PDB file of N, CA and C in Angstrom:
ATOM      1  N   MET A   1      11.704  -4.160  -0.555  1.00  0.00           N
ATOM      2  CA  MET A   1      10.318  -4.345  -0.207  1.00  0.00           C
ATOM      3  C   MET A   1      10.215  -5.495   0.778  1.00  0.00           C
ATOM      4  N   LEU A   2       9.140  -5.480   1.556  1.00  0.00           N
ATOM      5  CA  LEU A   2       8.909  -6.504   2.554  1.00  0.00           C
ATOM      6  C   LEU A   2       7.607  -7.234   2.233  1.00  0.00           C
ATOM      7  N   CYS A   3       7.685  -8.535   2.097  1.00  0.00           N
ATOM      8  CA  CYS A   3       6.499  -9.346   1.819  1.00  0.00           C
ATOM      9  C   CYS A   3       5.682  -9.471   3.103  1.00  0.00           C
ATOM     10  N   THR A   4       4.387  -9.218   3.016  1.00  0.00           N
ATOM     11  CA  THR A   4       3.536  -9.317   4.192  1.00  0.00           C
ATOM     12  C   THR A   4       3.077 -10.750   4.465  1.00  0.00           C
ATOM     13  N   HIS A   5       3.404 -11.662   3.591  1.00  0.00           N
ATOM     14  CA  HIS A   5       3.027 -13.063   3.801  1.00  0.00           C
ATOM     15  C   HIS A   5       4.163 -13.854   4.437  1.00  0.00           C
ATOM     16  N   CYS A   6       5.359 -13.777   3.862  1.00  0.00           N
ATOM     17  CA  CYS A   6       6.493 -14.545   4.391  1.00  0.00           C
ATOM     18  C   CYS A   6       7.467 -13.687   5.190  1.00  0.00           C
ATOM     19  N   HIS A   7       7.285 -12.377   5.206  1.00  0.00           N
ATOM     20  CA  HIS A   7       8.095 -11.420   5.971  1.00  0.00           C
ATOM     21  C   HIS A   7       9.564 -11.424   5.562  1.00  0.00           C
ATOM     22  N   LYS A   8       9.828 -11.692   4.304  1.00  0.00           N
ATOM     23  CA  LYS A   8      11.191 -11.631   3.774  1.00  0.00           C
ATOM     24  C   LYS A   8      11.312 -10.407   2.877  1.00  0.00           C
ATOM     25  N   THR A   9      12.509  -9.841   2.836  1.00  0.00           N
ATOM     26  CA  THR A   9      12.733  -8.675   1.993  1.00  0.00           C
ATOM     27  C   THR A   9      13.192  -9.117   0.606  1.00  0.00           C
ATOM     28  N   PHE A  10      12.846  -8.300  -0.380  1.00  0.00           N
ATOM     29  CA  PHE A  10      13.291  -8.546  -1.745  1.00  0.00           C
ATOM     30  C   PHE A  10      13.393  -7.215  -2.455  1.00  0.00           C
ATOM     31  N   GLY A  11      14.243  -7.181  -3.457  1.00  0.00           N
ATOM     32  CA  GLY A  11      14.435  -5.970  -4.228  1.00  0.00           C
ATOM     33  C   GLY A  11      13.495  -5.897  -5.410  1.00  0.00           C
ATOM     34  N   VAL A  12      13.360  -4.716  -5.950  1.00  0.00           N
ATOM     35  CA  VAL A  12      12.480  -4.521  -7.097  1.00  0.00           C
ATOM     36  C   VAL A  12      13.028  -5.257  -8.318  1.00  0.00           C
ATOM     37  N   ASP A  13      14.339  -5.368  -8.415  1.00  0.00           N
ATOM     38  CA  ASP A  13      14.939  -6.047  -9.566  1.00  0.00           C
ATOM     39  C   ASP A  13      14.727  -7.561  -9.540  1.00  0.00           C
ATOM     40  N   SER A  14      14.325  -8.125  -8.404  1.00  0.00           N
ATOM     41  CA  SER A  14      14.101  -9.566  -8.330  1.00  0.00           C
ATOM     42  C   SER A  14      12.662  -9.961  -8.675  1.00  0.00           C
ATOM     43  N   LEU A  15      11.808  -8.996  -8.981  1.00  0.00           N
ATOM     44  CA  LEU A  15      10.425  -9.300  -9.348  1.00  0.00           C
ATOM     45  C   LEU A  15      10.375  -9.924 -10.737  1.00  0.00           C
ATOM     46  N   LYS A  16       9.584 -10.984 -10.866  1.00  0.00           N
ATOM     47  CA  LYS A  16       9.469 -11.668 -12.146  1.00  0.00           C
ATOM     48  C   LYS A  16       8.052 -11.619 -12.700  1.00  0.00           C
ATOM     49  N   ALA A  17       7.059 -11.442 -11.828  1.00  0.00           N
ATOM     50  CA  ALA A  17       5.663 -11.467 -12.283  1.00  0.00           C
ATOM     51  C   ALA A  17       4.913 -10.248 -11.754  1.00  0.00           C
ATOM     52  N   GLN A  18       4.086  -9.695 -12.628  1.00  0.00           N
ATOM     53  CA  GLN A  18       3.236  -8.574 -12.278  1.00  0.00           C
ATOM     54  C   GLN A  18       1.938  -8.717 -13.049  1.00  0.00           C
ATOM     55  N   ARG A  19       0.833  -8.362 -12.408  1.00  0.00           N
ATOM     56  CA  ARG A  19      -0.446  -8.380 -13.109  1.00  0.00           C
ATOM     57  C   ARG A  19      -1.209  -7.109 -12.772  1.00  0.00           C
ATOM     58  N   GLY A  20      -1.938  -6.641 -13.742  1.00  0.00           N
ATOM     59  CA  GLY A  20      -2.668  -5.395 -13.582  1.00  0.00           C
ATOM     60  C   GLY A  20      -1.796  -4.197 -13.923  1.00  0.00           C
ATOM     61  N   LYS A  21      -2.427  -3.059 -14.071  1.00  0.00           N
ATOM     62  CA  LYS A  21      -1.709  -1.826 -14.382  1.00  0.00           C
ATOM     63  C   LYS A  21      -2.247  -0.703 -13.519  1.00  0.00           C
ATOM     64  N   GLY A  22      -1.450   0.315 -13.352  1.00  0.00           N
ATOM     65  CA  GLY A  22      -1.868   1.507 -12.626  1.00  0.00           C
ATOM     66  C   GLY A  22      -2.050   1.251 -11.147  1.00  0.00           C
ATOM     67  N   VAL A  23      -3.162   1.728 -10.622  1.00  0.00           N
ATOM     68  CA  VAL A  23      -3.431   1.616  -9.194  1.00  0.00           C
ATOM     69  C   VAL A  23      -3.732   0.166  -8.803  1.00  0.00           C
ATOM     70  N   ASN A  24      -4.256  -0.618  -9.716  1.00  0.00           N
ATOM     71  CA  ASN A  24      -4.600  -2.015  -9.435  1.00  0.00           C
ATOM     72  C   ASN A  24      -3.444  -2.986  -9.635  1.00  0.00           C
ATOM     73  N   ALA A  25      -2.235  -2.514  -9.816  1.00  0.00           N
ATOM     74  CA  ALA A  25      -1.102  -3.402 -10.088  1.00  0.00           C
ATOM     75  C   ALA A  25      -0.801  -4.284  -8.881  1.00  0.00           C
ATOM     76  N   GLN A  26      -0.457  -5.533  -9.168  1.00  0.00           N
ATOM     77  CA  GLN A  26      -0.080  -6.490  -8.139  1.00  0.00           C
ATOM     78  C   GLN A  26       1.246  -7.123  -8.538  1.00  0.00           C
ATOM     79  N   ILE A  27       2.065  -7.436  -7.536  1.00  0.00           N
ATOM     80  CA  ILE A  27       3.344  -8.085  -7.784  1.00  0.00           C
ATOM     81  C   ILE A  27       3.368  -9.413  -7.051  1.00  0.00           C
ATOM     82  N   GLN A  28       4.254 -10.295  -7.515  1.00  0.00           N
ATOM     83  CA  GLN A  28       4.365 -11.613  -6.910  1.00  0.00           C
ATOM     84  C   GLN A  28       5.684 -11.703  -6.153  1.00  0.00           C
ATOM     85  N   CYS A  29       5.609 -12.143  -4.909  1.00  0.00           N
ATOM     86  CA  CYS A  29       6.808 -12.289  -4.080  1.00  0.00           C
ATOM     87  C   CYS A  29       7.672 -13.403  -4.654  1.00  0.00           C
ATOM     88  N   PRO A  30       8.977 -13.164  -4.860  1.00  0.00           N
ATOM     89  CA  PRO A  30       9.824 -14.217  -5.413  1.00  0.00           C
ATOM     90  C   PRO A  30      10.106 -15.350  -4.430  1.00  0.00           C
ATOM     91  N   HIS A  31       9.852 -15.154  -3.149  1.00  0.00           N
ATOM     92  CA  HIS A  31      10.138 -16.187  -2.153  1.00  0.00           C
ATOM     93  C   HIS A  31       8.969 -17.148  -1.950  1.00  0.00           C
ATOM     94  N   CYS A  32       7.765 -16.591  -1.718  1.00  0.00           N
ATOM     95  CA  CYS A  32       6.630 -17.444  -1.366  1.00  0.00           C
ATOM     96  C   CYS A  32       5.551 -17.491  -2.444  1.00  0.00           C
ATOM     97  N   GLN A  33       5.709 -16.757  -3.530  1.00  0.00           N
ATOM     98  CA  GLN A  33       4.774 -16.720  -4.661  1.00  0.00           C
ATOM     99  C   GLN A  33       3.408 -16.141  -4.303  1.00  0.00           C
ATOM    100  N   ALA A  34       3.317 -15.337  -3.254  1.00  0.00           N
ATOM    101  CA  ALA A  34       2.062 -14.669  -2.902  1.00  0.00           C
ATOM    102  C   ALA A  34       1.911 -13.407  -3.741  1.00  0.00           C
ATOM    103  N   TRP A  35       0.684 -13.087  -4.124  1.00  0.00           N
ATOM    104  CA  TRP A  35       0.420 -11.872  -4.881  1.00  0.00           C
ATOM    105  C   TRP A  35       0.159 -10.738  -3.902  1.00  0.00           C
ATOM    106  N   LEU A  36       0.898  -9.638  -4.040  1.00  0.00           N
ATOM    107  CA  LEU A  36       0.815  -8.496  -3.141  1.00  0.00           C
ATOM    108  C   LEU A  36       0.324  -7.279  -3.894  1.00  0.00           C
ATOM    109  N   GLY A  37      -0.479  -6.468  -3.234  1.00  0.00           N
ATOM    110  CA  GLY A  37      -0.986  -5.252  -3.856  1.00  0.00           C
ATOM    111  C   GLY A  37      -1.329  -4.218  -2.801  1.00  0.00           C
ATOM    112  N   ARG A  38      -1.716  -3.056  -3.270  1.00  0.00           N
ATOM    113  CA  ARG A  38      -2.092  -1.962  -2.381  1.00  0.00           C
ATOM    114  C   ARG A  38      -3.597  -1.743  -2.454  1.00  0.00           C
ATOM    115  N   SER A  39      -4.140  -1.103  -1.441  1.00  0.00           N
ATOM    116  CA  SER A  39      -5.555  -0.761  -1.414  1.00  0.00           C
ATOM    117  C   SER A  39      -5.808   0.361  -2.424  1.00  0.00           C
ATOM    118  N   VAL A  40      -6.757   0.147  -3.315  1.00  0.00           N
ATOM    119  CA  VAL A  40      -7.056   1.123  -4.357  1.00  0.00           C
ATOM    120  C   VAL A  40      -7.622   2.399  -3.741  1.00  0.00           C
ATOM    121  N   LEU A  41      -8.504   2.258  -2.768  1.00  0.00           N
ATOM    122  CA  LEU A  41      -9.126   3.416  -2.132  1.00  0.00           C
ATOM    123  C   LEU A  41      -8.087   4.295  -1.436  1.00  0.00           C
ATOM    124  N   LEU A  42      -7.184   3.691  -0.686  1.00  0.00           N
ATOM    125  CA  LEU A  42      -6.162   4.468   0.013  1.00  0.00           C
ATOM    126  C   LEU A  42      -5.192   5.130  -0.957  1.00  0.00           C
ATOM    127  N   THR A  43      -4.858   4.454  -2.026  1.00  0.00           N
ATOM    128  CA  THR A  43      -3.954   5.037  -3.010  1.00  0.00           C
ATOM    129  C   THR A  43      -4.593   6.236  -3.697  1.00  0.00           C
ATOM    130  N   LEU A  44      -5.855   6.102  -4.085  1.00  0.00           N
ATOM    131  CA  LEU A  44      -6.551   7.224  -4.712  1.00  0.00           C
ATOM    132  C   LEU A  44      -6.743   8.379  -3.732  1.00  0.00           C
ATOM    133  N   LEU A  45      -6.998   8.074  -2.458  1.00  0.00           N
ATOM    134  CA  LEU A  45      -7.126   9.109  -1.441  1.00  0.00           C
ATOM    135  C   LEU A  45      -5.810   9.844  -1.241  1.00  0.00           C
ATOM    136  N   LYS A  46      -4.715   9.104  -1.271  1.00  0.00           N
ATOM    137  CA  LYS A  46      -3.402   9.714  -1.111  1.00  0.00           C
ATOM    138  C   LYS A  46      -3.068  10.629  -2.287  1.00  0.00           C
ATOM    139  N   ILE A  47      -3.320  10.184  -3.487  1.00  0.00           N
ATOM    140  CA  ILE A  47      -3.032  10.993  -4.673  1.00  0.00           C
ATOM    141  C   ILE A  47      -3.935  12.226  -4.716  1.00  0.00           C
ATOM    142  N   GLY A  48      -5.226  12.032  -4.436  1.00  0.00           N
ATOM    143  CA  GLY A  48      -6.158  13.151  -4.458  1.00  0.00           C
ATOM    144  C   GLY A  48      -5.855  14.199  -3.402  1.00  0.00           C
ATOM    145  N   SER A  49      -5.508  13.771  -2.204  1.00  0.00           N
ATOM    146  CA  SER A  49      -5.206  14.744  -1.148  1.00  0.00           C
ATOM    147  C   SER A  49      -3.895  15.471  -1.417  1.00  0.00           C
ATOM    148  N   PHE A  50      -2.952  14.836  -2.092  1.00  0.00           N
ATOM    149  CA  PHE A  50      -1.716  15.522  -2.451  1.00  0.00           C
ATOM    150  C   PHE A  50      -1.999  16.657  -3.429  1.00  0.00           C
ATOM    151  N   TYR A  51      -2.751  16.350  -4.480  1.00  0.00           N
ATOM    152  CA  TYR A  51      -3.047  17.378  -5.476  1.00  0.00           C
ATOM    153  C   TYR A  51      -3.962  18.463  -4.915  1.00  0.00           C
ATOM    154  N   LEU A  52      -4.876  18.105  -4.025  1.00  0.00           N
ATOM    155  CA  LEU A  52      -5.712  19.110  -3.384  1.00  0.00           C
ATOM    156  C   LEU A  52      -4.876  20.045  -2.514  1.00  0.00           C
ATOM    157  N   THR A  53      -3.916  19.494  -1.782  1.00  0.00           N
ATOM    158  CA  THR A  53      -3.036  20.318  -0.948  1.00  0.00           C
ATOM    159  C   THR A  53      -2.240  21.300  -1.798  1.00  0.00           C
ATOM    160  N   VAL A  54      -1.659  20.815  -2.882  1.00  0.00           N
ATOM    161  CA  VAL A  54      -0.865  21.692  -3.746  1.00  0.00           C
ATOM    162  C   VAL A  54      -1.732  22.774  -4.377  1.00  0.00           C
ATOM    163  N   ALA A  55      -2.912  22.398  -4.861  1.00  0.00           N
ATOM    164  CA  ALA A  55      -3.790  23.373  -5.519  1.00  0.00           C
ATOM    165  C   ALA A  55      -4.275  24.438  -4.539  1.00  0.00           C
ATOM    166  N   VAL A  56      -4.648  24.024  -3.336  1.00  0.00           N
ATOM    167  CA  VAL A  56      -5.159  24.976  -2.356  1.00  0.00           C
ATOM    168  C   VAL A  56      -4.045  25.894  -1.865  1.00  0.00           C
ATOM    169  N   LEU A  57      -2.848  25.359  -1.664  1.00  0.00           N
ATOM    170  CA  LEU A  57      -1.734  26.208  -1.233  1.00  0.00           C
ATOM    171  C   LEU A  57      -1.351  27.219  -2.313  1.00  0.00           C
ATOM    172  N   LEU A  58      -1.349  26.797  -3.561  1.00  0.00           N
ATOM    173  CA  LEU A  58      -1.068  27.752  -4.635  1.00  0.00           C
ATOM    174  C   LEU A  58      -2.177  28.790  -4.764  1.00  0.00           C
ATOM    175  N   GLY A  59      -3.412  28.362  -4.603  1.00  0.00           N
ATOM    176  CA  GLY A  59      -4.522  29.306  -4.652  1.00  0.00           C
ATOM    177  C   GLY A  59      -4.462  30.313  -3.520  1.00  0.00           C
ATOM    178  N   GLY A  60      -4.093  29.870  -2.334  1.00  0.00           N
ATOM    179  CA  GLY A  60      -3.960  30.779  -1.203  1.00  0.00           C
ATOM    180  C   GLY A  60      -2.776  31.704  -1.333  1.00  0.00           C
ATOM    181  N   TYR A  61      -1.753  31.251  -2.028  1.00  0.00           N
ATOM    182  CA  TYR A  61      -0.575  32.101  -2.226  1.00  0.00           C
ATOM    183  C   TYR A  61      -0.868  33.235  -3.211  1.00  0.00           C
ATOM    184  N   PHE A  62      -1.537  32.905  -4.288  1.00  0.00           N
ATOM    185  CA  PHE A  62      -1.791  33.912  -5.320  1.00  0.00           C
ATOM    186  C   PHE A  62      -3.045  34.746  -5.045  1.00  0.00           C
ATOM    187  N   ALA A  63      -3.996  34.231  -4.316  1.00  0.00           N
ATOM    188  CA  ALA A  63      -5.195  34.990  -3.946  1.00  0.00           C
ATOM    189  C   ALA A  63      -5.199  35.133  -2.430  1.00  0.00           C
ATOM    190  N   SER A  64      -4.517  36.149  -1.939  1.00  0.00           N
ATOM    191  CA  SER A  64      -4.326  36.286  -0.498  1.00  0.00           C
ATOM    192  C   SER A  64      -5.625  36.601   0.252  1.00  0.00           C
ATOM    193  N   ASP A  65      -6.639  37.083  -0.431  1.00  0.00           N
ATOM    194  CA  ASP A  65      -7.895  37.364   0.253  1.00  0.00           C
ATOM    195  C   ASP A  65      -8.685  36.085   0.564  1.00  0.00           C
ATOM    196  N   LEU A  66      -8.267  34.931   0.023  1.00  0.00           N
ATOM    197  CA  LEU A  66      -8.931  33.650   0.292  1.00  0.00           C
ATOM    198  C   LEU A  66      -8.177  32.783   1.291  1.00  0.00           C
ATOM    199  N   ARG A  67      -7.172  33.335   1.931  1.00  0.00           N
ATOM    200  CA  ARG A  67      -6.360  32.527   2.842  1.00  0.00           C
ATOM    201  C   ARG A  67      -7.139  32.031   4.055  1.00  0.00           C
ATOM    202  N   TYR A  68      -8.178  32.705   4.442  1.00  0.00           N
ATOM    203  CA  TYR A  68      -8.959  32.269   5.605  1.00  0.00           C
ATOM    204  C   TYR A  68      -9.659  30.939   5.339  1.00  0.00           C
ATOM    205  N   ILE A  69      -9.902  30.606   4.078  1.00  0.00           N
ATOM    206  CA  ILE A  69     -10.538  29.335   3.742  1.00  0.00           C
ATOM    207  C   ILE A  69      -9.533  28.320   3.196  1.00  0.00           C
ATOM    208  N   THR A  70      -8.500  28.784   2.513  1.00  0.00           N
ATOM    209  CA  THR A  70      -7.542  27.846   1.923  1.00  0.00           C
ATOM    210  C   THR A  70      -6.624  27.213   2.962  1.00  0.00           C
ATOM    211  N   THR A  71      -6.311  27.941   4.022  1.00  0.00           N
ATOM    212  CA  THR A  71      -5.409  27.386   5.040  1.00  0.00           C
ATOM    213  C   THR A  71      -6.023  26.198   5.763  1.00  0.00           C
ATOM    214  N   PRO A  72      -7.263  26.251   6.260  1.00  0.00           N
ATOM    215  CA  PRO A  72      -7.824  25.049   6.903  1.00  0.00           C
ATOM    216  C   PRO A  72      -7.998  23.875   5.940  1.00  0.00           C
ATOM    217  N   ILE A  73      -8.362  24.172   4.694  1.00  0.00           N
ATOM    218  CA  ILE A  73      -8.493  23.084   3.717  1.00  0.00           C
ATOM    219  C   ILE A  73      -7.141  22.433   3.457  1.00  0.00           C
ATOM    220  N   ALA A  74      -6.091  23.234   3.370  1.00  0.00           N
ATOM    221  CA  ALA A  74      -4.749  22.689   3.152  1.00  0.00           C
ATOM    222  C   ALA A  74      -4.290  21.852   4.343  1.00  0.00           C
ATOM    223  N   VAL A  75      -4.615  22.281   5.547  1.00  0.00           N
ATOM    224  CA  VAL A  75      -4.229  21.520   6.743  1.00  0.00           C
ATOM    225  C   VAL A  75      -4.960  20.183   6.784  1.00  0.00           C
ATOM    226  N   ILE A  76      -6.253  20.189   6.517  1.00  0.00           N
ATOM    227  CA  ILE A  76      -7.027  18.944   6.530  1.00  0.00           C
ATOM    228  C   ILE A  76      -6.573  18.011   5.414  1.00  0.00           C
ATOM    229  N   ALA A  77      -6.288  18.549   4.230  1.00  0.00           N
ATOM    230  CA  ALA A  77      -5.815  17.711   3.119  1.00  0.00           C
ATOM    231  C   ALA A  77      -4.432  17.132   3.420  1.00  0.00           C
ATOM    232  N   THR A  78      -3.565  17.898   4.091  1.00  0.00           N
ATOM    233  CA  THR A  78      -2.240  17.387   4.447  1.00  0.00           C
ATOM    234  C   THR A  78      -2.337  16.292   5.497  1.00  0.00           C
ATOM    235  N   ILE A  79      -3.213  16.458   6.475  1.00  0.00           N
ATOM    236  CA  ILE A  79      -3.415  15.411   7.479  1.00  0.00           C
ATOM    237  C   ILE A  79      -3.953  14.147   6.820  1.00  0.00           C
ATOM    238  N   THR A  80      -4.895  14.298   5.894  1.00  0.00           N
ATOM    239  CA  THR A  80      -5.428  13.143   5.160  1.00  0.00           C
ATOM    240  C   THR A  80      -4.344  12.465   4.347  1.00  0.00           C
ATOM    241  N   LEU A  81      -3.477  13.260   3.732  1.00  0.00           N
ATOM    242  CA  LEU A  81      -2.358  12.712   2.956  1.00  0.00           C
ATOM    243  C   LEU A  81      -1.430  11.892   3.842  1.00  0.00           C
ATOM    244  N   LEU A  82      -1.067  12.419   4.992  1.00  0.00           N
ATOM    245  CA  LEU A  82      -0.129  11.711   5.877  1.00  0.00           C
ATOM    246  C   LEU A  82      -0.742  10.440   6.452  1.00  0.00           C
ATOM    247  N   ILE A  83      -2.000  10.488   6.843  1.00  0.00           N
ATOM    248  CA  ILE A  83      -2.649   9.292   7.404  1.00  0.00           C
ATOM    249  C   ILE A  83      -2.808   8.211   6.336  1.00  0.00           C
ATOM    250  N   SER A  84      -3.241   8.607   5.136  1.00  0.00           N
ATOM    251  CA  SER A  84      -3.401   7.598   4.084  1.00  0.00           C
ATOM    252  C   SER A  84      -2.051   7.051   3.619  1.00  0.00           C
ATOM    253  N   HIS A  85      -0.999   7.853   3.715  1.00  0.00           N
ATOM    254  CA  HIS A  85       0.327   7.362   3.352  1.00  0.00           C
ATOM    255  C   HIS A  85       0.820   6.323   4.361  1.00  0.00           C
ATOM    256  N   MET A  86       0.545   6.541   5.635  1.00  0.00           N
ATOM    257  CA  MET A  86       0.965   5.573   6.655  1.00  0.00           C
ATOM    258  C   MET A  86       0.169   4.280   6.563  1.00  0.00           C
ATOM    259  N   MET A  87      -1.088   4.347   6.158  1.00  0.00           N
ATOM    260  CA  MET A  87      -1.934   3.157   6.112  1.00  0.00           C
ATOM    261  C   MET A  87      -1.794   2.370   4.816  1.00  0.00           C
ATOM    262  N   ASP A  88      -1.238   2.960   3.774  1.00  0.00           N
ATOM    263  CA  ASP A  88      -1.172   2.329   2.458  1.00  0.00           C
ATOM    264  C   ASP A  88       0.061   1.438   2.378  1.00  0.00           C
ATOM    265  N   GLN A  89      -0.068   0.192   2.812  1.00  0.00           N
ATOM    266  CA  GLN A  89       1.016  -0.774   2.798  1.00  0.00           C
ATOM    267  C   GLN A  89       0.648  -1.929   1.869  1.00  0.00           C
ATOM    268  N   LEU A  90       1.645  -2.727   1.513  1.00  0.00           N
ATOM    269  CA  LEU A  90       1.371  -3.918   0.714  1.00  0.00           C
ATOM    270  C   LEU A  90       0.536  -4.899   1.522  1.00  0.00           C
ATOM    271  N   LYS A  91      -0.442  -5.511   0.880  1.00  0.00           N
ATOM    272  CA  LYS A  91      -1.235  -6.533   1.540  1.00  0.00           C
ATOM    273  C   LYS A  91      -1.342  -7.744   0.628  1.00  0.00           C
ATOM    274  N   VAL A  92      -1.613  -8.884   1.204  1.00  0.00           N
ATOM    275  CA  VAL A  92      -1.701 -10.134   0.452  1.00  0.00           C
ATOM    276  C   VAL A  92      -3.037 -10.166  -0.278  1.00  0.00           C
ATOM    277  N   MET A  93      -2.975 -10.229  -1.605  1.00  0.00           N
ATOM    278  CA  MET A  93      -4.184 -10.323  -2.412  1.00  0.00           C
ATOM    279  C   MET A  93      -4.579 -11.775  -2.656  1.00  0.00           C
ATOM    280  N   GLN A  94      -3.572 -12.629  -2.873  1.00  0.00           N
ATOM    281  CA  GLN A  94      -3.836 -14.048  -3.114  1.00  0.00           C
ATOM    282  C   GLN A  94      -2.678 -14.836  -2.516  1.00  0.00           C
ATOM    283  N   ALA A  95      -2.970 -15.602  -1.487  1.00  0.00           N
ATOM    284  CA  ALA A  95      -1.937 -16.403  -0.830  1.00  0.00           C
ATOM    285  C   ALA A  95      -1.636 -17.642  -1.667  1.00  0.00           C
ATOM    286  N   PRO A  96      -0.410 -18.145  -1.584  1.00  0.00           N
ATOM    287  CA  PRO A  96      -0.072 -19.350  -2.358  1.00  0.00           C
ATOM    288  C   PRO A  96      -0.748 -20.586  -1.773  1.00  0.00           C
ATOM    289  N   GLU A  97      -0.886 -21.590  -2.599  1.00  0.00           N
ATOM    290  CA  GLU A  97      -1.471 -22.858  -2.170  1.00  0.00           C
ATOM    291  C   GLU A  97      -0.522 -23.544  -1.194  1.00  0.00           C
ATOM    292  N   MET A  98      -1.069 -23.978  -0.071  1.00  0.00           N
ATOM    293  CA  MET A  98      -0.270 -24.681   0.930  1.00  0.00           C
ATOM    294  C   MET A  98      -0.561 -26.171   0.831  1.00  0.00           C
ATOM    295  N   THR A  99       0.483 -26.980   0.676  1.00  0.00           N
ATOM    296  CA  THR A  99       0.300 -28.426   0.620  1.00  0.00           C
ATOM    297  C   THR A  99       0.309 -28.976   2.041  1.00  0.00           C
ATOM    298  N   PRO A 100      -0.656 -29.832   2.366  1.00  0.00           N
ATOM    299  CA  PRO A 100      -0.688 -30.390   3.724  1.00  0.00           C
ATOM    300  C   PRO A 100       0.482 -31.359   3.932  1.00  0.00           C
ATOM    301  N   ILE A 101       1.095 -31.267   5.081  1.00  0.00           N
ATOM    302  CA  ILE A 101       2.245 -32.105   5.416  1.00  0.00           C
ATOM    303  C   ILE A 101       1.769 -33.196   6.382  1.00  0.00           C
ATOM    304  N   ASP A 102       2.090 -34.436   6.048  1.00  0.00           N
ATOM    305  CA  ASP A 102       1.712 -35.557   6.910  1.00  0.00           C
ATOM    306  C   ASP A 102       2.780 -35.715   7.982  1.00  0.00           C
ATOM    307  N   ASP A 103       2.482 -35.262   9.185  1.00  0.00           N
ATOM    308  CA  ASP A 103       3.433 -35.372  10.284  1.00  0.00           C
ATOM    309  C   ASP A 103       2.876 -36.253  11.401  1.00  0.00           C
ATOM    310  N   SER A 104       2.060 -37.237  11.035  1.00  0.00           N
ATOM    311  CA  SER A 104       1.447 -38.099  12.038  1.00  0.00           C
ATOM    312  C   SER A 104       2.492 -38.959  12.750  1.00  0.00           C
ATOM    313  N   ALA A 105       3.541 -39.372  12.052  1.00  0.00           N
ATOM    314  CA  ALA A 105       4.587 -40.168  12.700  1.00  0.00           C
ATOM    315  C   ALA A 105       5.333 -39.337  13.735  1.00  0.00           C
ATOM    316  N   HIS A 106       5.578 -38.097  13.425  1.00  0.00           N
ATOM    317  CA  HIS A 106       6.257 -37.220  14.365  1.00  0.00           C
ATOM    318  C   HIS A 106       5.375 -36.930  15.593  1.00  0.00           C
ATOM    319  N   ARG A 107       4.083 -36.762  15.362  1.00  0.00           N
ATOM    320  CA  ARG A 107       3.164 -36.502  16.469  1.00  0.00           C
ATOM    321  C   ARG A 107       2.991 -37.731  17.339  1.00  0.00           C
ATOM    322  N   GLN A 108       3.068 -38.923  16.737  1.00  0.00           N
ATOM    323  CA  GLN A 108       2.891 -40.166  17.496  1.00  0.00           C
ATOM    324  C   GLN A 108       3.982 -40.348  18.526  1.00  0.00           C
ATOM    325  N   LYS A 109       5.182 -39.811  18.254  1.00  0.00           N
ATOM    326  CA  LYS A 109       6.289 -39.945  19.211  1.00  0.00           C
ATOM    327  C   LYS A 109       5.983 -39.255  20.527  1.00  0.00           C
ATOM    328  N   TYR A 110       5.240 -38.169  20.478  1.00  0.00           N
ATOM    329  CA  TYR A 110       5.010 -37.352  21.669  1.00  0.00           C
ATOM    330  C   TYR A 110       3.644 -37.577  22.296  1.00  0.00           C
ATOM    331  N   ARG A 111       2.950 -38.638  21.930  1.00  0.00           N
ATOM    332  CA  ARG A 111       1.659 -38.948  22.556  1.00  0.00           C
ATOM    333  C   ARG A 111       1.807 -39.988  23.614  1.00  0.00           C
TER     334      ARG A 111
END
């Protein structure tokens, strides 16, 4: 996995903290301690369009007289599935606290 806050990769086995369950689950990056999660709306859209595609394709297969309506619905649901899958990435839900660094001595050298 790739952290969207510190841009470092980590494995699933290195995760130590998780909060929430199901679609609202969030994980904590082991490097920067940022909480990462997915968009609930996009995840539900992806799951719903997948099941709609499967149901419509099976319905069109077994009821061949409805193929004129099931084929466009299946195409639109598949396009929705692919677009929502590409957009559903990890995002930072809660960034870690940043401590201010006093670098006034370093800045004074270059003034």
